[in-house]
């Protein structure tokens, strides 16, 4: 029961709940020991196409094989978790040179995914978009680090996928602008401020 509560049953990896527990602990340790850590958010590119065209059984087998390859890339102290769907999260505690260490791992993951996966006679190619947030420069709280790694990952998706990107404050600008526009539209509708113009 305990295993099921804290692990993903398909991949046997830690789930979101266990990742949050470990990340909270790692942040407290990093704060106490003045260390750095990294959170990496990884999303498989074109996974939906494989799922839709070949079915969920092939998709599930692919997720299992991907998780096994990812496990081979990390240190014993690191945590690889399945965040949901085709998204994985990595926690890298106790980093000496956080940016360099995270870059090395991201490159290692990108290279290990280059070899095709063979499932039920199908040769499948997948890549990953990886976003990276560093403690304490990109956030000092758990949700902040996860959100910023996620934002950086979507930035990679927007730039053409298959790569990695560190979070920067500038990445938030489009989201803030979109939110501001959304709020403005709702207020304009409430106050009857739209006018229709025919040209």
Protein backbone atom coordinates (compact mmCIF):
# COMPACT_ATOMS: atom_id res chain seq x y z
CA UNK A 1 0.00 0.00 0.00
CA UNK A 2 2.87 2.35 0.88
CA UNK A 3 4.64 1.56 -2.41
CA UNK A 4 1.46 2.21 -4.39
CA UNK A 5 0.92 5.53 -2.60
CA UNK A 6 4.38 6.86 -3.50
CA UNK A 7 5.23 5.18 -6.81
CA UNK A 8 3.97 5.13 -10.37
CA UNK A 9 2.66 1.62 -11.01
CA UNK A 10 3.63 1.55 -14.71
CA UNK A 11 7.29 2.58 -14.43
CA UNK A 12 7.83 1.77 -10.71
CA UNK A 13 9.40 5.23 -10.39
CA UNK A 14 8.63 7.62 -7.53
CA UNK A 15 5.44 9.56 -8.22
CA UNK A 16 4.64 13.25 -7.76
CA UNK A 17 3.94 12.85 -4.02
CA UNK A 18 7.28 11.18 -3.27
CA UNK A 19 9.13 13.68 -5.47
CA UNK A 20 7.61 16.57 -3.49
CA UNK A 21 8.67 14.94 -0.20
CA UNK A 22 12.24 14.44 -1.41
CA UNK A 23 12.44 17.91 -2.95
CA UNK A 24 11.23 19.53 0.27
CA UNK A 25 13.87 17.62 2.23
CA UNK A 26 16.60 18.44 -0.32
CA UNK A 27 15.76 22.17 -0.19
CA UNK A 28 16.01 22.17 3.60
CA UNK A 29 19.37 20.39 3.44
CA UNK A 30 20.64 22.73 0.72
CA UNK A 31 19.60 25.76 2.77
CA UNK A 32 21.30 24.39 5.89
CA UNK A 33 24.53 23.35 4.14
CA UNK A 34 24.55 26.26 1.63
CA UNK A 35 24.50 23.84 -1.31
CA UNK A 36 22.90 23.97 -4.74
CA UNK A 37 20.43 21.64 -6.39
CA UNK A 38 18.63 21.37 -9.72
CA UNK A 39 15.13 20.41 -10.76
CA UNK A 40 14.72 19.15 -14.32
CA UNK A 41 11.36 18.83 -16.06
CA UNK A 42 11.43 16.43 -19.02
CA UNK A 43 8.69 15.94 -21.60
CA UNK A 44 8.91 13.38 -24.41
CA UNK A 45 8.58 14.91 -27.88
CA UNK A 46 6.01 13.38 -30.27
CA UNK A 47 4.90 10.80 -27.70
CA UNK A 48 1.23 11.58 -28.39
CA UNK A 49 1.73 10.64 -32.07
CA UNK A 50 3.04 7.22 -31.04
CA UNK A 51 0.20 6.69 -28.57
CA UNK A 52 -2.45 7.75 -31.09
CA UNK A 53 -1.09 5.74 -34.02
CA UNK A 54 0.16 2.55 -32.32
CA UNK A 55 -2.02 2.40 -29.20
CA UNK A 56 -1.57 2.78 -25.46
CA UNK A 57 0.04 -0.64 -24.94
CA UNK A 58 2.97 0.39 -27.17
CA UNK A 59 2.99 3.80 -25.48
CA UNK A 60 3.15 2.21 -22.02
CA UNK A 61 6.00 -0.09 -23.05
CA UNK A 62 7.84 2.92 -24.47
CA UNK A 63 7.44 4.82 -21.17
CA UNK A 64 8.88 1.82 -19.30
CA UNK A 65 11.88 1.60 -21.64
CA UNK A 66 12.47 5.35 -21.49
CA UNK A 67 12.38 5.29 -17.67
CA UNK A 68 14.94 2.46 -17.64
CA UNK A 69 17.30 4.46 -19.86
CA UNK A 70 16.84 7.58 -17.74
CA UNK A 71 17.64 5.59 -14.57
CA UNK A 72 20.96 4.65 -16.17
CA UNK A 73 21.88 8.34 -16.53
CA UNK A 74 21.50 9.51 -12.92
CA UNK A 75 23.50 9.25 -9.71
CA UNK A 76 22.34 7.20 -6.74
CA UNK A 77 21.52 10.40 -4.80
CA UNK A 78 19.30 11.75 -7.60
CA UNK A 79 15.54 11.17 -7.86
CA UNK A 80 13.83 10.35 -11.14
CA UNK A 81 10.04 10.57 -10.89
CA UNK A 82 7.17 10.19 -13.31
CA UNK A 83 5.25 13.43 -12.98
CA UNK A 84 2.36 12.26 -15.15
CA UNK A 85 1.67 11.20 -18.74
CA UNK A 86 4.94 11.45 -20.66
CA UNK A 87 6.48 13.92 -18.20
CA UNK A 88 9.37 13.06 -15.90
CA UNK A 89 11.02 15.14 -13.19
CA UNK A 90 14.58 14.82 -11.90
CA UNK A 91 15.88 16.11 -8.61
CA UNK A 92 19.66 16.58 -8.48
CA UNK A 93 20.80 17.43 -4.93
CA UNK A 94 24.26 18.35 -3.63
CA UNK A 95 25.68 19.86 -6.82
CA UNK A 96 29.13 21.47 -6.77
CA UNK A 97 28.79 23.33 -10.05
CA UNK A 98 25.02 23.26 -10.54
CA UNK A 99 24.83 24.70 -14.05
CA UNK A 100 27.65 22.56 -15.42
CA UNK A 101 26.45 19.37 -13.69
CA UNK A 102 22.87 19.84 -14.90
CA UNK A 103 24.10 20.53 -18.46
CA UNK A 104 26.13 17.32 -18.45
CA UNK A 105 23.13 15.28 -17.36
CA UNK A 106 20.82 16.93 -19.90
CA UNK A 107 23.30 16.12 -22.69
CA UNK A 108 23.65 12.56 -21.40
CA UNK A 109 19.86 12.11 -21.47
CA UNK A 110 19.59 13.60 -24.96
CA UNK A 111 22.29 11.23 -26.23
CA UNK A 112 20.84 8.12 -24.57
CA UNK A 113 17.46 8.75 -26.21
CA UNK A 114 19.00 8.95 -29.70
CA UNK A 115 19.16 5.16 -30.02
CA UNK A 116 15.77 3.95 -31.31
CA UNK A 117 13.43 1.90 -29.12
CA UNK A 118 12.28 -1.39 -30.63
CA UNK A 119 8.80 -2.40 -29.45
CA UNK A 120 6.63 -5.10 -31.01
CA UNK A 121 8.50 -4.85 -34.30
CA UNK A 122 8.32 -1.05 -34.42
CA UNK A 123 11.48 1.07 -34.39
CA UNK A 124 10.53 4.20 -32.47
CA UNK A 125 12.46 7.44 -32.17
CA UNK A 126 11.75 9.86 -29.33
CA UNK A 127 13.55 12.91 -28.06
CA UNK A 128 13.01 15.05 -25.00
CA UNK A 129 12.51 18.71 -24.17
CA UNK A 130 14.16 19.49 -20.83
CA UNK A 131 13.70 22.55 -18.63
CA UNK A 132 16.07 23.22 -15.71
CA UNK A 133 15.64 25.36 -12.60
CA UNK A 134 18.43 25.85 -10.05
CA UNK A 135 18.23 26.39 -6.30
CA UNK A 136 18.59 29.07 -4.99
CA UNK A 137 18.99 31.31 -8.08
CA UNK A 138 15.70 30.30 -9.76
CA UNK A 139 13.65 29.81 -6.60
CA UNK A 140 13.87 28.82 -2.96
CA UNK A 141 10.51 27.04 -2.68
CA UNK A 142 9.44 23.68 -4.06
CA UNK A 143 6.50 24.89 -6.20
CA UNK A 144 8.57 27.77 -7.55
CA UNK A 145 11.35 25.45 -8.74
CA UNK A 146 8.93 22.97 -10.35
CA UNK A 147 7.03 25.78 -12.08
CA UNK A 148 10.21 27.42 -13.39
CA UNK A 149 11.60 24.11 -14.70
CA UNK A 150 8.24 23.56 -16.42
CA UNK A 151 8.34 27.06 -17.99
CA UNK A 152 11.88 26.40 -19.28
CA UNK A 153 10.73 23.07 -20.74
CA UNK A 154 7.91 24.77 -22.67
CA UNK A 155 10.45 27.28 -23.93
CA UNK A 156 12.42 24.36 -25.45
CA UNK A 157 9.19 23.05 -27.03
CA UNK A 158 8.61 26.46 -28.57
CA UNK A 159 12.14 26.61 -29.95
CA UNK A 160 11.78 23.32 -31.85
CA UNK A 161 12.04 20.60 -29.15
CA UNK A 162 14.85 18.08 -28.50
CA UNK A 163 17.14 20.05 -26.20
CA UNK A 164 17.43 21.70 -22.82
CA UNK A 165 17.14 25.20 -21.43
CA UNK A 166 17.84 26.84 -18.09
CA UNK A 167 15.09 29.01 -16.63
CA UNK A 168 15.39 32.79 -16.89
CA UNK A 169 13.01 35.52 -15.69
CA UNK A 170 12.43 36.66 -19.28
CA UNK A 171 10.63 33.39 -20.01
CA UNK A 172 7.75 34.46 -17.75
CA UNK A 173 6.99 37.61 -19.78
CA UNK A 174 4.71 35.95 -22.41
CA UNK A 175 2.72 34.16 -19.66
CA UNK A 176 2.28 37.38 -17.67
CA UNK A 177 1.22 39.23 -20.84
CA UNK A 178 -1.29 36.50 -21.72
CA UNK A 179 -2.73 36.52 -18.17
CA UNK A 180 -2.99 40.30 -18.24
CA UNK A 181 -4.81 40.17 -21.61
CA UNK A 182 -7.18 37.47 -20.31
CA UNK A 183 -8.06 39.57 -17.24
CA UNK A 184 -8.51 42.66 -19.44
CA UNK A 185 -10.92 40.84 -21.79
CA UNK A 186 -13.06 39.60 -18.88
CA UNK A 187 -13.27 43.11 -17.38
CA UNK A 188 -14.11 44.63 -20.78
CA UNK A 189 -16.93 42.09 -21.25
CA UNK A 190 -18.34 42.83 -17.79
CA UNK A 191 -18.23 46.62 -18.42
CA UNK A 192 -19.61 46.35 -21.98
CA UNK A 193 -16.48 48.02 -23.37
CA UNK A 194 -16.30 46.16 -26.68
CA UNK A 195 -17.60 47.74 -29.87
CA UNK A 196 -18.06 45.97 -33.18
CA UNK A 197 -16.66 47.66 -36.28
CA UNK A 198 -17.39 46.55 -39.85
CA UNK A 199 -14.73 47.38 -42.47
